[in-house]
Amino acid sequence: MDEIGARRAASQPVRARTGGSTFANPAGVKAWELIDKAGCRGLMIGGAQVSEQHCNFLINTGAATAADLEALGEEVRRRVRASAGIDLQWEIKRIGVPR
């Protein structure tokens, strides 16, 4: 268990405020690679940031609103679509009504 935890901590932002893996992997490719190639590593909107450790995690840096996270996720999707022609699908469940 300790070894698994250490591997996860080395590759994922386990101590950050995140909803977990954000986008589903498209067939035959990893979402984080598409996000990284689209130049989104570290990208911020408001208090929301694409993790610099693992690009498929959106982080609340402390002051992110749901709107910040939603806008950042949609910007990531837009950039991946523009650079790779692939539409990323949200993996996390979003609830509520966008304003």
PDB file of N, CA and C in Angstrom:
ATOM      1  N   MET A   1       0.821  -1.181   0.000  1.00  0.00           N
ATOM      2  CA  MET A   1       0.000   0.000   0.000  1.00  0.00           C
ATOM      3  C   MET A   1       0.874   1.257   0.000  1.00  0.00           C
ATOM      4  N   ASP A   2       1.942   1.238   0.789  1.00  0.00           N
ATOM      5  CA  ASP A   2       2.842   2.393   0.843  1.00  0.00           C
ATOM      6  C   ASP A   2       3.482   2.654  -0.511  1.00  0.00           C
ATOM      7  N   GLU A   3       3.858   1.580  -1.204  1.00  0.00           N
ATOM      8  CA  GLU A   3       4.487   1.722  -2.516  1.00  0.00           C
ATOM      9  C   GLU A   3       3.505   2.319  -3.524  1.00  0.00           C
ATOM     10  N   ILE A   4       2.279   1.856  -3.510  1.00  0.00           N
ATOM     11  CA  ILE A   4       1.256   2.387  -4.414  1.00  0.00           C
ATOM     12  C   ILE A   4       1.006   3.864  -4.108  1.00  0.00           C
ATOM     13  N   GLY A   5       0.895   4.190  -2.830  1.00  0.00           N
ATOM     14  CA  GLY A   5       0.688   5.576  -2.434  1.00  0.00           C
ATOM     15  C   GLY A   5       1.841   6.478  -2.854  1.00  0.00           C
ATOM     16  N   ALA A   6       3.041   5.987  -2.730  1.00  0.00           N
ATOM     17  CA  ALA A   6       4.221   6.771  -3.117  1.00  0.00           C
ATOM     18  C   ALA A   6       4.255   6.997  -4.627  1.00  0.00           C
ATOM     19  N   ARG A   7       3.917   5.978  -5.404  1.00  0.00           N
ATOM     20  CA  ARG A   7       3.875   6.126  -6.863  1.00  0.00           C
ATOM     21  C   ARG A   7       2.821   7.152  -7.261  1.00  0.00           C
ATOM     22  N   ARG A   8       1.662   7.080  -6.637  1.00  0.00           N
ATOM     23  CA  ARG A   8       0.580   8.021  -6.947  1.00  0.00           C
ATOM     24  C   ARG A   8       1.000   9.451  -6.575  1.00  0.00           C
ATOM     25  N   ALA A   9       1.600   9.623  -5.406  1.00  0.00           N
ATOM     26  CA  ALA A   9       2.030  10.953  -4.973  1.00  0.00           C
ATOM     27  C   ALA A   9       3.101  11.532  -5.896  1.00  0.00           C
ATOM     28  N   ALA A  10       3.915  10.668  -6.487  1.00  0.00           N
ATOM     29  CA  ALA A  10       4.964  11.130  -7.394  1.00  0.00           C
ATOM     30  C   ALA A  10       4.412  11.565  -8.744  1.00  0.00           C
ATOM     31  N   SER A  11       3.240  11.056  -9.120  1.00  0.00           N
ATOM     32  CA  SER A  11       2.721  11.337 -10.458  1.00  0.00           C
ATOM     33  C   SER A  11       1.434  12.164 -10.487  1.00  0.00           C
ATOM     34  N   GLN A  12       0.776  12.333  -9.347  1.00  0.00           N
ATOM     35  CA  GLN A  12      -0.500  13.041  -9.307  1.00  0.00           C
ATOM     36  C   GLN A  12      -0.525  14.039  -8.156  1.00  0.00           C
ATOM     37  N   PRO A  13      -1.301  15.107  -8.290  1.00  0.00           N
ATOM     38  CA  PRO A  13      -1.373  16.120  -7.232  1.00  0.00           C
ATOM     39  C   PRO A  13      -2.278  15.684  -6.081  1.00  0.00           C
ATOM     40  N   VAL A  14      -1.846  14.693  -5.320  1.00  0.00           N
ATOM     41  CA  VAL A  14      -2.698  14.096  -4.286  1.00  0.00           C
ATOM     42  C   VAL A  14      -2.962  15.012  -3.100  1.00  0.00           C
ATOM     43  N   ARG A  15      -2.120  16.000  -2.882  1.00  0.00           N
ATOM     44  CA  ARG A  15      -2.304  16.914  -1.750  1.00  0.00           C
ATOM     45  C   ARG A  15      -3.052  18.190  -2.152  1.00  0.00           C
ATOM     46  N   ALA A  16      -3.370  18.339  -3.417  1.00  0.00           N
ATOM     47  CA  ALA A  16      -4.055  19.537  -3.916  1.00  0.00           C
ATOM     48  C   ALA A  16      -5.571  19.354  -3.880  1.00  0.00           C
ATOM     49  N   ARG A  17      -6.273  20.465  -3.927  1.00  0.00           N
ATOM     50  CA  ARG A  17      -7.743  20.439  -4.007  1.00  0.00           C
ATOM     51  C   ARG A  17      -8.129  20.214  -5.460  1.00  0.00           C
ATOM     52  N   THR A  18      -8.571  19.015  -5.746  1.00  0.00           N
ATOM     53  CA  THR A  18      -8.914  18.642  -7.111  1.00  0.00           C
ATOM     54  C   THR A  18     -10.085  17.674  -7.101  1.00  0.00           C
ATOM     55  N   GLY A  19     -10.823  17.634  -8.194  1.00  0.00           N
ATOM     56  CA  GLY A  19     -11.928  16.690  -8.324  1.00  0.00           C
ATOM     57  C   GLY A  19     -11.470  15.350  -8.873  1.00  0.00           C
ATOM     58  N   GLY A  20     -10.172  15.180  -9.055  1.00  0.00           N
ATOM     59  CA  GLY A  20      -9.644  13.947  -9.628  1.00  0.00           C
ATOM     60  C   GLY A  20      -9.399  14.097 -11.118  1.00  0.00           C
ATOM     61  N   SER A  21      -9.210  13.003 -11.768  1.00  0.00           N
ATOM     62  CA  SER A  21      -8.971  13.001 -13.209  1.00  0.00           C
ATOM     63  C   SER A  21     -10.147  13.676 -13.901  1.00  0.00           C
ATOM     64  N   THR A  22      -9.866  14.680 -14.723  1.00  0.00           N
ATOM     65  CA  THR A  22     -10.917  15.556 -15.256  1.00  0.00           C
ATOM     66  C   THR A  22     -11.528  15.067 -16.559  1.00  0.00           C
ATOM     67  N   PHE A  23     -10.710  14.611 -17.495  1.00  0.00           N
ATOM     68  CA  PHE A  23     -11.200  14.207 -18.815  1.00  0.00           C
ATOM     69  C   PHE A  23     -10.932  12.727 -19.073  1.00  0.00           C
ATOM     70  N   ALA A  24     -11.855  12.073 -19.744  1.00  0.00           N
ATOM     71  CA  ALA A  24     -11.700  10.671 -20.116  1.00  0.00           C
ATOM     72  C   ALA A  24     -10.649  10.550 -21.217  1.00  0.00           C
ATOM     73  N   ASN A  25      -9.903   9.465 -21.189  1.00  0.00           N
ATOM     74  CA  ASN A  25      -8.933   9.211 -22.249  1.00  0.00           C
ATOM     75  C   ASN A  25      -9.658   8.823 -23.533  1.00  0.00           C
ATOM     76  N   PRO A  26      -9.410   9.550 -24.629  1.00  0.00           N
ATOM     77  CA  PRO A  26      -9.969   9.121 -25.919  1.00  0.00           C
ATOM     78  C   PRO A  26      -9.310   7.800 -26.335  1.00  0.00           C
ATOM     79  N   ALA A  27      -9.951   7.078 -27.221  1.00  0.00           N
ATOM     80  CA  ALA A  27      -9.414   5.789 -27.681  1.00  0.00           C
ATOM     81  C   ALA A  27      -7.991   5.955 -28.211  1.00  0.00           C
ATOM     82  N   GLY A  28      -7.073   5.172 -27.639  1.00  0.00           N
ATOM     83  CA  GLY A  28      -5.711   5.109 -28.147  1.00  0.00           C
ATOM     84  C   GLY A  28      -4.781   6.243 -27.752  1.00  0.00           C
ATOM     85  N   VAL A  29      -5.232   7.159 -26.895  1.00  0.00           N
ATOM     86  CA  VAL A  29      -4.378   8.293 -26.512  1.00  0.00           C
ATOM     87  C   VAL A  29      -4.701   8.691 -25.072  1.00  0.00           C
ATOM     88  N   LYS A  30      -3.745   9.301 -24.408  1.00  0.00           N
ATOM     89  CA  LYS A  30      -3.959   9.744 -23.026  1.00  0.00           C
ATOM     90  C   LYS A  30      -4.361  11.217 -23.028  1.00  0.00           C
ATOM     91  N   ALA A  31      -5.402  11.536 -22.268  1.00  0.00           N
ATOM     92  CA  ALA A  31      -5.888  12.917 -22.206  1.00  0.00           C
ATOM     93  C   ALA A  31      -4.788  13.867 -21.748  1.00  0.00           C
ATOM     94  N   TRP A  32      -3.992  13.467 -20.753  1.00  0.00           N
ATOM     95  CA  TRP A  32      -2.971  14.384 -20.242  1.00  0.00           C
ATOM     96  C   TRP A  32      -1.954  14.755 -21.305  1.00  0.00           C
ATOM     97  N   GLU A  33      -1.639  13.816 -22.214  1.00  0.00           N
ATOM     98  CA  GLU A  33      -0.683  14.114 -23.285  1.00  0.00           C
ATOM     99  C   GLU A  33      -1.252  15.140 -24.251  1.00  0.00           C
ATOM    100  N   LEU A  34      -2.536  14.992 -24.587  1.00  0.00           N
ATOM    101  CA  LEU A  34      -3.184  15.964 -25.470  1.00  0.00           C
ATOM    102  C   LEU A  34      -3.211  17.350 -24.829  1.00  0.00           C
ATOM    103  N   ILE A  35      -3.515  17.388 -23.544  1.00  0.00           N
ATOM    104  CA  ILE A  35      -3.588  18.652 -22.803  1.00  0.00           C
ATOM    105  C   ILE A  35      -2.208  19.312 -22.752  1.00  0.00           C
ATOM    106  N   ASP A  36      -1.197  18.523 -22.499  1.00  0.00           N
ATOM    107  CA  ASP A  36       0.172  19.047 -22.435  1.00  0.00           C
ATOM    108  C   ASP A  36       0.610  19.568 -23.797  1.00  0.00           C
ATOM    109  N   LYS A  37       0.362  18.804 -24.856  1.00  0.00           N
ATOM    110  CA  LYS A  37       0.759  19.220 -26.208  1.00  0.00           C
ATOM    111  C   LYS A  37       0.015  20.469 -26.658  1.00  0.00           C
ATOM    112  N   ALA A  38      -1.170  20.694 -26.104  1.00  0.00           N
ATOM    113  CA  ALA A  38      -1.945  21.888 -26.440  1.00  0.00           C
ATOM    114  C   ALA A  38      -1.473  23.117 -25.656  1.00  0.00           C
ATOM    115  N   GLY A  39      -0.462  22.942 -24.810  1.00  0.00           N
ATOM    116  CA  GLY A  39       0.117  24.060 -24.079  1.00  0.00           C
ATOM    117  C   GLY A  39      -0.658  24.485 -22.850  1.00  0.00           C
ATOM    118  N   CYS A  40      -1.399  23.558 -22.253  1.00  0.00           N
ATOM    119  CA  CYS A  40      -2.263  23.915 -21.124  1.00  0.00           C
ATOM    120  C   CYS A  40      -1.637  23.679 -19.752  1.00  0.00           C
ATOM    121  N   ARG A  41      -0.492  23.058 -19.663  1.00  0.00           N
ATOM    122  CA  ARG A  41       0.137  22.796 -18.354  1.00  0.00           C
ATOM    123  C   ARG A  41       0.323  24.119 -17.617  1.00  0.00           C
ATOM    124  N   GLY A  42      -0.251  24.222 -16.413  1.00  0.00           N
ATOM    125  CA  GLY A  42      -0.130  25.430 -15.607  1.00  0.00           C
ATOM    126  C   GLY A  42      -1.104  26.544 -15.947  1.00  0.00           C
ATOM    127  N   LEU A  43      -1.905  26.376 -16.993  1.00  0.00           N
ATOM    128  CA  LEU A  43      -2.878  27.390 -17.402  1.00  0.00           C
ATOM    129  C   LEU A  43      -3.825  27.709 -16.249  1.00  0.00           C
ATOM    130  N   MET A  44      -4.131  29.002 -16.066  1.00  0.00           N
ATOM    131  CA  MET A  44      -5.022  29.417 -14.972  1.00  0.00           C
ATOM    132  C   MET A  44      -6.155  30.286 -15.486  1.00  0.00           C
ATOM    133  N   ILE A  45      -7.309  30.108 -14.868  1.00  0.00           N
ATOM    134  CA  ILE A  45      -8.439  31.021 -15.005  1.00  0.00           C
ATOM    135  C   ILE A  45      -8.948  31.253 -13.594  1.00  0.00           C
ATOM    136  N   GLY A  46      -8.896  32.507 -13.161  1.00  0.00           N
ATOM    137  CA  GLY A  46      -9.276  32.811 -11.781  1.00  0.00           C
ATOM    138  C   GLY A  46      -8.406  31.999 -10.833  1.00  0.00           C
ATOM    139  N   GLY A  47      -9.044  31.296  -9.907  1.00  0.00           N
ATOM    140  CA  GLY A  47      -8.318  30.475  -8.947  1.00  0.00           C
ATOM    141  C   GLY A  47      -8.173  29.024  -9.362  1.00  0.00           C
ATOM    142  N   ALA A  48      -8.506  28.708 -10.606  1.00  0.00           N
ATOM    143  CA  ALA A  48      -8.406  27.332 -11.109  1.00  0.00           C
ATOM    144  C   ALA A  48      -7.163  27.198 -11.988  1.00  0.00           C
ATOM    145  N   GLN A  49      -6.477  26.069 -11.846  1.00  0.00           N
ATOM    146  CA  GLN A  49      -5.244  25.851 -12.595  1.00  0.00           C
ATOM    147  C   GLN A  49      -5.157  24.415 -13.092  1.00  0.00           C
ATOM    148  N   VAL A  50      -4.625  24.252 -14.313  1.00  0.00           N
ATOM    149  CA  VAL A  50      -4.276  22.922 -14.802  1.00  0.00           C
ATOM    150  C   VAL A  50      -3.013  22.515 -14.037  1.00  0.00           C
ATOM    151  N   SER A  51      -3.031  21.361 -13.429  1.00  0.00           N
ATOM    152  CA  SER A  51      -1.894  20.906 -12.634  1.00  0.00           C
ATOM    153  C   SER A  51      -0.622  20.860 -13.472  1.00  0.00           C
ATOM    154  N   GLU A  52       0.454  21.354 -12.886  1.00  0.00           N
ATOM    155  CA  GLU A  52       1.749  21.256 -13.549  1.00  0.00           C
ATOM    156  C   GLU A  52       2.340  19.866 -13.372  1.00  0.00           C
ATOM    157  N   GLN A  53       1.866  19.127 -12.375  1.00  0.00           N
ATOM    158  CA  GLN A  53       2.359  17.770 -12.117  1.00  0.00           C
ATOM    159  C   GLN A  53       1.696  16.757 -13.038  1.00  0.00           C
ATOM    160  N   HIS A  54       0.382  16.877 -13.239  1.00  0.00           N
ATOM    161  CA  HIS A  54      -0.377  15.944 -14.084  1.00  0.00           C
ATOM    162  C   HIS A  54      -1.489  16.751 -14.756  1.00  0.00           C
ATOM    163  N   CYS A  55      -1.346  16.955 -16.042  1.00  0.00           N
ATOM    164  CA  CYS A  55      -2.219  17.875 -16.790  1.00  0.00           C
ATOM    165  C   CYS A  55      -3.696  17.494 -16.815  1.00  0.00           C
ATOM    166  N   ASN A  56      -4.059  16.296 -16.428  1.00  0.00           N
ATOM    167  CA  ASN A  56      -5.470  15.914 -16.466  1.00  0.00           C
ATOM    168  C   ASN A  56      -6.155  16.155 -15.116  1.00  0.00           C
ATOM    169  N   PHE A  57      -5.570  17.011 -14.300  1.00  0.00           N
ATOM    170  CA  PHE A  57      -6.172  17.404 -13.031  1.00  0.00           C
ATOM    171  C   PHE A  57      -6.323  18.921 -13.018  1.00  0.00           C
ATOM    172  N   LEU A  58      -7.516  19.405 -12.692  1.00  0.00           N
ATOM    173  CA  LEU A  58      -7.741  20.830 -12.484  1.00  0.00           C
ATOM    174  C   LEU A  58      -7.702  21.068 -10.984  1.00  0.00           C
ATOM    175  N   ILE A  59      -6.959  22.079 -10.573  1.00  0.00           N
ATOM    176  CA  ILE A  59      -6.729  22.347  -9.161  1.00  0.00           C
ATOM    177  C   ILE A  59      -7.418  23.638  -8.744  1.00  0.00           C
ATOM    178  N   ASN A  60      -8.011  23.610  -7.562  1.00  0.00           N
ATOM    179  CA  ASN A  60      -8.494  24.826  -6.919  1.00  0.00           C
ATOM    180  C   ASN A  60      -7.325  25.341  -6.088  1.00  0.00           C
ATOM    181  N   THR A  61      -6.741  26.465  -6.498  1.00  0.00           N
ATOM    182  CA  THR A  61      -5.573  27.011  -5.806  1.00  0.00           C
ATOM    183  C   THR A  61      -5.950  27.676  -4.488  1.00  0.00           C
ATOM    184  N   GLY A  62      -7.237  27.735  -4.191  1.00  0.00           N
ATOM    185  CA  GLY A  62      -7.692  28.290  -2.924  1.00  0.00           C
ATOM    186  C   GLY A  62      -8.871  29.226  -3.057  1.00  0.00           C
ATOM    187  N   ALA A  63      -9.029  29.821  -4.221  1.00  0.00           N
ATOM    188  CA  ALA A  63     -10.111  30.793  -4.403  1.00  0.00           C
ATOM    189  C   ALA A  63     -10.929  30.524  -5.666  1.00  0.00           C
ATOM    190  N   ALA A  64     -10.804  29.347  -6.240  1.00  0.00           N
ATOM    191  CA  ALA A  64     -11.530  29.043  -7.482  1.00  0.00           C
ATOM    192  C   ALA A  64     -13.019  28.903  -7.218  1.00  0.00           C
ATOM    193  N   THR A  65     -13.793  29.426  -8.146  1.00  0.00           N
ATOM    194  CA  THR A  65     -15.234  29.216  -8.123  1.00  0.00           C
ATOM    195  C   THR A  65     -15.555  28.073  -9.075  1.00  0.00           C
ATOM    196  N   ALA A  66     -16.765  27.588  -8.985  1.00  0.00           N
ATOM    197  CA  ALA A  66     -17.203  26.561  -9.935  1.00  0.00           C
ATOM    198  C   ALA A  66     -17.107  27.110 -11.358  1.00  0.00           C
ATOM    199  N   ALA A  67     -17.423  28.387 -11.522  1.00  0.00           N
ATOM    200  CA  ALA A  67     -17.336  29.006 -12.855  1.00  0.00           C
ATOM    201  C   ALA A  67     -15.898  29.030 -13.359  1.00  0.00           C
ATOM    202  N   ASP A  68     -14.925  29.282 -12.468  1.00  0.00           N
ATOM    203  CA  ASP A  68     -13.512  29.251 -12.868  1.00  0.00           C
ATOM    204  C   ASP A  68     -13.131  27.860 -13.368  1.00  0.00           C
ATOM    205  N   LEU A  69     -13.511  26.834 -12.622  1.00  0.00           N
ATOM    206  CA  LEU A  69     -13.175  25.460 -12.999  1.00  0.00           C
ATOM    207  C   LEU A  69     -13.843  25.065 -14.299  1.00  0.00           C
ATOM    208  N   GLU A  70     -15.098  25.424 -14.451  1.00  0.00           N
ATOM    209  CA  GLU A  70     -15.832  25.124 -15.679  1.00  0.00           C
ATOM    210  C   GLU A  70     -15.189  25.841 -16.878  1.00  0.00           C
ATOM    211  N   ALA A  71     -14.870  27.120 -16.709  1.00  0.00           N
ATOM    212  CA  ALA A  71     -14.260  27.890 -17.801  1.00  0.00           C
ATOM    213  C   ALA A  71     -12.895  27.330 -18.169  1.00  0.00           C
ATOM    214  N   LEU A  72     -12.107  26.956 -17.171  1.00  0.00           N
ATOM    215  CA  LEU A  72     -10.795  26.383 -17.446  1.00  0.00           C
ATOM    216  C   LEU A  72     -10.931  25.064 -18.195  1.00  0.00           C
ATOM    217  N   GLY A  73     -11.829  24.213 -17.749  1.00  0.00           N
ATOM    218  CA  GLY A  73     -12.040  22.940 -18.438  1.00  0.00           C
ATOM    219  C   GLY A  73     -12.473  23.136 -19.879  1.00  0.00           C
ATOM    220  N   GLU A  74     -13.346  24.085 -20.113  1.00  0.00           N
ATOM    221  CA  GLU A  74     -13.805  24.342 -21.491  1.00  0.00           C
ATOM    222  C   GLU A  74     -12.687  24.942 -22.338  1.00  0.00           C
ATOM    223  N   GLU A  75     -11.820  25.757 -21.732  1.00  0.00           N
ATOM    224  CA  GLU A  75     -10.670  26.301 -22.469  1.00  0.00           C
ATOM    225  C   GLU A  75      -9.693  25.191 -22.829  1.00  0.00           C
ATOM    226  N   VAL A  76      -9.468  24.267 -21.920  1.00  0.00           N
ATOM    227  CA  VAL A  76      -8.622  23.111 -22.215  1.00  0.00           C
ATOM    228  C   VAL A  76      -9.223  22.317 -23.372  1.00  0.00           C
ATOM    229  N   ARG A  77     -10.528  22.059 -23.311  1.00  0.00           N
ATOM    230  CA  ARG A  77     -11.186  21.314 -24.393  1.00  0.00           C
ATOM    231  C   ARG A  77     -11.032  22.045 -25.731  1.00  0.00           C
ATOM    232  N   ARG A  78     -11.193  23.388 -25.716  1.00  0.00           N
ATOM    233  CA  ARG A  78     -11.075  24.183 -26.937  1.00  0.00           C
ATOM    234  C   ARG A  78      -9.665  24.076 -27.517  1.00  0.00           C
ATOM    235  N   ARG A  79      -8.668  24.193 -26.652  1.00  0.00           N
ATOM    236  CA  ARG A  79      -7.279  24.148 -27.129  1.00  0.00           C
ATOM    237  C   ARG A  79      -6.895  22.761 -27.654  1.00  0.00           C
ATOM    238  N   VAL A  80      -7.364  21.717 -27.004  1.00  0.00           N
ATOM    239  CA  VAL A  80      -7.076  20.359 -27.483  1.00  0.00           C
ATOM    240  C   VAL A  80      -7.767  20.129 -28.825  1.00  0.00           C
ATOM    241  N   ARG A  81      -9.000  20.583 -28.953  1.00  0.00           N
ATOM    242  CA  ARG A  81      -9.717  20.459 -30.231  1.00  0.00           C
ATOM    243  C   ARG A  81      -8.959  21.186 -31.337  1.00  0.00           C
ATOM    244  N   ALA A  82      -8.457  22.386 -31.042  1.00  0.00           N
ATOM    245  CA  ALA A  82      -7.724  23.171 -32.038  1.00  0.00           C
ATOM    246  C   ALA A  82      -6.392  22.535 -32.409  1.00  0.00           C
ATOM    247  N   SER A  83      -5.689  21.957 -31.441  1.00  0.00           N
ATOM    248  CA  SER A  83      -4.358  21.413 -31.718  1.00  0.00           C
ATOM    249  C   SER A  83      -4.362  19.975 -32.210  1.00  0.00           C
ATOM    250  N   ALA A  84      -5.332  19.167 -31.747  1.00  0.00           N
ATOM    251  CA  ALA A  84      -5.314  17.738 -32.084  1.00  0.00           C
ATOM    252  C   ALA A  84      -6.562  17.269 -32.829  1.00  0.00           C
ATOM    253  N   GLY A  85      -7.587  18.118 -32.885  1.00  0.00           N
ATOM    254  CA  GLY A  85      -8.823  17.710 -33.551  1.00  0.00           C
ATOM    255  C   GLY A  85      -9.627  16.697 -32.756  1.00  0.00           C
ATOM    256  N   ILE A  86      -9.377  16.626 -31.457  1.00  0.00           N
ATOM    257  CA  ILE A  86     -10.065  15.653 -30.593  1.00  0.00           C
ATOM    258  C   ILE A  86     -10.899  16.403 -29.567  1.00  0.00           C
ATOM    259  N   ASP A  87     -12.154  15.961 -29.400  1.00  0.00           N
ATOM    260  CA  ASP A  87     -13.040  16.544 -28.402  1.00  0.00           C
ATOM    261  C   ASP A  87     -12.918  15.760 -27.104  1.00  0.00           C
ATOM    262  N   LEU A  88     -12.274  16.354 -26.108  1.00  0.00           N
ATOM    263  CA  LEU A  88     -12.186  15.699 -24.806  1.00  0.00           C
ATOM    264  C   LEU A  88     -13.561  15.676 -24.153  1.00  0.00           C
ATOM    265  N   GLN A  89     -13.854  14.579 -23.479  1.00  0.00           N
ATOM    266  CA  GLN A  89     -15.111  14.434 -22.749  1.00  0.00           C
ATOM    267  C   GLN A  89     -14.829  14.539 -21.256  1.00  0.00           C
ATOM    268  N   TRP A  90     -15.676  15.285 -20.566  1.00  0.00           N
ATOM    269  CA  TRP A  90     -15.532  15.399 -19.113  1.00  0.00           C
ATOM    270  C   TRP A  90     -15.660  14.013 -18.486  1.00  0.00           C
ATOM    271  N   GLU A  91     -14.766  13.690 -17.577  1.00  0.00           N
ATOM    272  CA  GLU A  91     -14.840  12.440 -16.829  1.00  0.00           C
ATOM    273  C   GLU A  91     -15.502  12.675 -15.467  1.00  0.00           C
ATOM    274  N   ILE A  92     -15.302  13.862 -14.906  1.00  0.00           N
ATOM    275  CA  ILE A  92     -15.925  14.176 -13.620  1.00  0.00           C
ATOM    276  C   ILE A  92     -17.384  14.557 -13.857  1.00  0.00           C
ATOM    277  N   LYS A  93     -18.197  14.286 -12.892  1.00  0.00           N
ATOM    278  CA  LYS A  93     -19.618  14.657 -12.974  1.00  0.00           C
ATOM    279  C   LYS A  93     -19.761  16.098 -12.529  1.00  0.00           C
ATOM    280  N   ARG A  94     -20.333  16.913 -13.383  1.00  0.00           N
ATOM    281  CA  ARG A  94     -20.594  18.306 -13.039  1.00  0.00           C
ATOM    282  C   ARG A  94     -22.065  18.421 -12.699  1.00  0.00           C
ATOM    283  N   ILE A  95     -22.363  19.075 -11.596  1.00  0.00           N
ATOM    284  CA  ILE A  95     -23.756  19.217 -11.177  1.00  0.00           C
ATOM    285  C   ILE A  95     -24.082  20.694 -11.058  1.00  0.00           C
ATOM    286  N   GLY A  96     -25.363  20.982 -11.051  1.00  0.00           N
ATOM    287  CA  GLY A  96     -25.788  22.369 -10.930  1.00  0.00           C
ATOM    288  C   GLY A  96     -26.108  22.955 -12.287  1.00  0.00           C
ATOM    289  N   VAL A  97     -26.460  24.217 -12.250  1.00  0.00           N
ATOM    290  CA  VAL A  97     -26.838  24.935 -13.464  1.00  0.00           C
ATOM    291  C   VAL A  97     -25.800  26.031 -13.707  1.00  0.00           C
ATOM    292  N   PRO A  98     -25.127  26.011 -14.868  1.00  0.00           N
ATOM    293  CA  PRO A  98     -24.148  27.063 -15.164  1.00  0.00           C
ATOM    294  C   PRO A  98     -24.827  28.435 -15.186  1.00  0.00           C
ATOM    295  N   ARG A  99     -24.126  29.440 -14.690  1.00  0.00           N
ATOM    296  CA  ARG A  99     -24.670  30.810 -14.701  1.00  0.00           C
ATOM    297  C   ARG A  99     -23.969  31.653 -15.691  1.00  0.00           C
TER     298      ARG A  99
END
